[in-house]
């Protein structure tokens, strides 16, 4: 078991999933898809998607909105 990567979450989750269920589904589908694709094929893509997820959550946790261009890049 690993800790959910959401900055404010202490839940554990199985190693084969990225985040706990509520935080996984809080991510936009485009980031979830990129995480899954990176997990299967490219460490570089996975790292990029992980950083996007963390930035998305950081923006949400401060009440702000993440700019769509940041999510798509």
N, C-alpha and C. Protein backbone atom coordinates (compact mmCIF):
# COMPACT_ATOMS: atom_id res chain seq x y z
N UNK A 1 0.84 -1.18 0.00
CA UNK A 1 0.00 0.00 0.00
C UNK A 1 0.89 1.25 0.00
N UNK A 2 0.43 2.26 -0.72
CA UNK A 2 1.10 3.55 -0.81
C UNK A 2 0.14 4.65 -0.39
N UNK A 3 0.68 5.81 -0.10
CA UNK A 3 -0.12 6.98 0.25
C UNK A 3 -0.64 7.64 -1.03
N UNK A 4 -1.86 8.12 -0.97
CA UNK A 4 -2.43 8.90 -2.08
C UNK A 4 -1.53 10.12 -2.31
N UNK A 5 -1.26 10.49 -3.57
CA UNK A 5 -0.38 11.62 -3.84
C UNK A 5 -1.00 13.00 -3.62
N UNK A 6 -2.30 13.07 -3.37
CA UNK A 6 -2.93 14.37 -3.11
C UNK A 6 -2.26 14.99 -1.90
N UNK A 7 -1.89 16.27 -1.99
CA UNK A 7 -1.13 16.91 -0.91
C UNK A 7 -1.80 16.90 0.46
N UNK A 8 -3.11 16.84 0.52
CA UNK A 8 -3.82 16.88 1.80
C UNK A 8 -4.47 15.56 2.18
N UNK A 9 -4.07 14.48 1.53
CA UNK A 9 -4.70 13.18 1.78
C UNK A 9 -3.74 12.24 2.51
N UNK A 10 -4.24 11.57 3.50
CA UNK A 10 -3.44 10.60 4.24
C UNK A 10 -3.91 9.17 3.99
N UNK A 11 -4.85 9.00 3.07
CA UNK A 11 -5.37 7.66 2.77
C UNK A 11 -4.30 6.82 2.09
N UNK A 12 -4.37 5.53 2.32
CA UNK A 12 -3.52 4.62 1.57
C UNK A 12 -4.33 4.05 0.41
N UNK A 13 -3.61 3.60 -0.58
CA UNK A 13 -4.25 3.05 -1.78
C UNK A 13 -3.37 1.93 -2.31
N UNK A 14 -3.93 1.00 -3.06
CA UNK A 14 -3.11 -0.07 -3.64
C UNK A 14 -2.05 0.50 -4.58
N UNK A 15 -0.93 -0.18 -4.69
CA UNK A 15 0.16 0.28 -5.56
C UNK A 15 -0.25 0.40 -7.02
N UNK A 16 -1.20 -0.41 -7.44
CA UNK A 16 -1.55 -0.41 -8.86
C UNK A 16 -2.48 0.72 -9.27
N UNK A 17 -2.91 1.55 -8.33
CA UNK A 17 -3.72 2.72 -8.69
C UNK A 17 -2.97 3.98 -8.31
N UNK A 18 -3.26 5.07 -9.01
CA UNK A 18 -2.53 6.32 -8.81
C UNK A 18 -2.90 7.04 -7.52
N UNK A 19 -4.19 7.13 -7.25
CA UNK A 19 -4.67 7.91 -6.10
C UNK A 19 -5.88 7.21 -5.49
N UNK A 20 -6.27 7.67 -4.31
CA UNK A 20 -7.50 7.14 -3.72
C UNK A 20 -8.65 7.50 -4.66
N UNK A 21 -9.74 6.78 -4.56
CA UNK A 21 -10.85 6.95 -5.51
C UNK A 21 -11.39 8.38 -5.57
N UNK A 22 -11.65 9.04 -4.43
CA UNK A 22 -12.17 10.42 -4.55
C UNK A 22 -11.21 11.38 -5.24
N UNK A 23 -9.92 11.25 -4.97
CA UNK A 23 -8.96 12.17 -5.58
C UNK A 23 -8.68 11.80 -7.04
N UNK A 24 -8.72 10.54 -7.37
CA UNK A 24 -8.56 10.13 -8.77
C UNK A 24 -9.66 10.77 -9.62
N UNK A 25 -10.90 10.66 -9.15
CA UNK A 25 -12.01 11.19 -9.94
C UNK A 25 -12.18 12.70 -9.81
N UNK A 26 -11.41 13.33 -8.93
CA UNK A 26 -11.42 14.79 -8.87
C UNK A 26 -10.56 15.40 -9.98
N UNK A 27 -9.68 14.59 -10.57
CA UNK A 27 -8.83 15.05 -11.66
C UNK A 27 -9.61 15.11 -12.97
N UNK A 28 -9.31 16.06 -13.83
CA UNK A 28 -9.94 16.07 -15.16
C UNK A 28 -9.57 14.79 -15.92
N UNK A 29 -10.46 14.35 -16.77
CA UNK A 29 -10.24 13.13 -17.55
C UNK A 29 -8.94 13.20 -18.35
N UNK A 30 -8.59 14.39 -18.83
CA UNK A 30 -7.36 14.52 -19.64
C UNK A 30 -6.11 14.17 -18.82
N UNK A 31 -6.09 14.56 -17.55
CA UNK A 31 -4.94 14.22 -16.70
C UNK A 31 -4.97 12.75 -16.34
N UNK A 32 -6.15 12.22 -16.02
CA UNK A 32 -6.24 10.78 -15.70
C UNK A 32 -5.77 9.94 -16.88
N UNK A 33 -6.17 10.33 -18.08
CA UNK A 33 -5.77 9.58 -19.28
C UNK A 33 -4.25 9.65 -19.47
N UNK A 34 -3.67 10.80 -19.26
CA UNK A 34 -2.22 10.96 -19.42
C UNK A 34 -1.46 10.14 -18.37
N UNK A 35 -1.97 10.11 -17.14
CA UNK A 35 -1.34 9.29 -16.09
C UNK A 35 -1.36 7.83 -16.50
N UNK A 36 -2.51 7.36 -16.95
CA UNK A 36 -2.65 5.96 -17.35
C UNK A 36 -1.73 5.62 -18.53
N UNK A 37 -1.71 6.50 -19.51
CA UNK A 37 -0.85 6.28 -20.68
C UNK A 37 0.62 6.26 -20.27
N UNK A 38 1.02 7.19 -19.43
CA UNK A 38 2.40 7.23 -18.96
C UNK A 38 2.76 6.02 -18.14
N UNK A 39 1.84 5.55 -17.31
CA UNK A 39 2.07 4.36 -16.49
C UNK A 39 2.37 3.15 -17.37
N UNK A 40 1.64 3.05 -18.48
CA UNK A 40 1.80 1.90 -19.37
C UNK A 40 2.98 2.02 -20.31
N UNK A 41 3.40 3.25 -20.67
CA UNK A 41 4.36 3.35 -21.76
C UNK A 41 5.57 4.24 -21.56
N UNK A 42 5.49 5.25 -20.69
CA UNK A 42 6.58 6.23 -20.67
C UNK A 42 6.73 6.87 -19.29
N UNK A 43 7.88 6.65 -18.68
CA UNK A 43 8.14 7.26 -17.38
C UNK A 43 8.12 8.78 -17.49
N UNK A 44 8.64 9.30 -18.59
CA UNK A 44 8.68 10.75 -18.79
C UNK A 44 7.26 11.33 -18.84
N UNK A 45 6.37 10.68 -19.58
CA UNK A 45 4.98 11.13 -19.67
C UNK A 45 4.30 11.01 -18.31
N UNK A 46 4.59 9.93 -17.58
CA UNK A 46 3.99 9.74 -16.26
C UNK A 46 4.42 10.86 -15.32
N UNK A 47 5.69 11.21 -15.32
CA UNK A 47 6.19 12.28 -14.45
C UNK A 47 5.51 13.60 -14.80
N UNK A 48 5.38 13.88 -16.08
CA UNK A 48 4.71 15.11 -16.53
C UNK A 48 3.25 15.13 -16.05
N UNK A 49 2.56 14.01 -16.21
CA UNK A 49 1.16 13.93 -15.80
C UNK A 49 1.03 14.03 -14.28
N UNK A 50 1.94 13.42 -13.56
CA UNK A 50 1.94 13.51 -12.10
C UNK A 50 2.09 14.97 -11.67
N UNK A 51 3.00 15.69 -12.29
CA UNK A 51 3.19 17.11 -11.97
C UNK A 51 1.93 17.92 -12.29
N UNK A 52 1.25 17.59 -13.38
CA UNK A 52 0.01 18.28 -13.72
C UNK A 52 -1.06 18.01 -12.67
N UNK A 53 -1.15 16.78 -12.21
CA UNK A 53 -2.13 16.43 -11.18
C UNK A 53 -1.85 17.21 -9.90
N UNK A 54 -0.60 17.26 -9.49
CA UNK A 54 -0.24 17.98 -8.28
C UNK A 54 -0.55 19.47 -8.41
N UNK A 55 -0.26 20.05 -9.57
CA UNK A 55 -0.56 21.46 -9.81
C UNK A 55 -2.07 21.69 -9.81
N UNK A 56 -2.82 20.78 -10.41
CA UNK A 56 -4.28 20.89 -10.42
C UNK A 56 -4.81 20.90 -8.99
N UNK A 57 -4.38 19.93 -8.20
CA UNK A 57 -4.84 19.85 -6.81
C UNK A 57 -4.40 21.07 -6.01
N UNK A 58 -3.20 21.54 -6.25
CA UNK A 58 -2.71 22.72 -5.54
C UNK A 58 -3.61 23.92 -5.83
N UNK A 59 -3.97 24.11 -7.09
CA UNK A 59 -4.87 25.19 -7.48
C UNK A 59 -6.23 25.05 -6.85
N UNK A 60 -6.75 23.84 -6.81
CA UNK A 60 -8.06 23.59 -6.21
C UNK A 60 -8.03 23.80 -4.71
N UNK A 61 -6.95 23.39 -4.05
CA UNK A 61 -6.90 23.48 -2.59
C UNK A 61 -6.82 24.92 -2.09
N UNK A 62 -6.41 25.84 -2.97
CA UNK A 62 -6.33 27.24 -2.59
C UNK A 62 -7.52 28.02 -3.14
N UNK A 63 -8.52 27.29 -3.62
CA UNK A 63 -9.72 27.95 -4.12
C UNK A 63 -9.56 28.56 -5.50
N UNK A 64 -8.40 28.38 -6.11
CA UNK A 64 -8.16 28.94 -7.44
C UNK A 64 -8.50 27.95 -8.54
N UNK A 65 -8.47 28.42 -9.74
CA UNK A 65 -8.70 27.57 -10.90
C UNK A 65 -7.40 27.43 -11.67
N UNK A 66 -7.08 26.23 -12.04
CA UNK A 66 -5.89 26.00 -12.85
C UNK A 66 -6.23 26.37 -14.29
N UNK A 67 -5.36 27.09 -14.92
CA UNK A 67 -5.57 27.51 -16.30
C UNK A 67 -5.58 26.28 -17.20
N UNK A 68 -6.55 26.20 -18.10
CA UNK A 68 -6.69 25.04 -18.97
C UNK A 68 -5.41 24.74 -19.75
N UNK A 69 -4.69 25.75 -20.15
CA UNK A 69 -3.44 25.53 -20.91
C UNK A 69 -2.44 24.75 -20.08
N UNK A 70 -2.42 24.95 -18.77
CA UNK A 70 -1.50 24.19 -17.91
C UNK A 70 -1.90 22.72 -17.89
N UNK A 71 -3.17 22.44 -17.88
CA UNK A 71 -3.64 21.06 -17.84
C UNK A 71 -3.34 20.36 -19.15
N UNK A 72 -3.51 21.06 -20.27
CA UNK A 72 -3.32 20.44 -21.59
C UNK A 72 -1.87 20.27 -21.98
N UNK A 73 -0.97 21.03 -21.41
CA UNK A 73 0.43 21.00 -21.84
C UNK A 73 1.13 19.72 -21.49
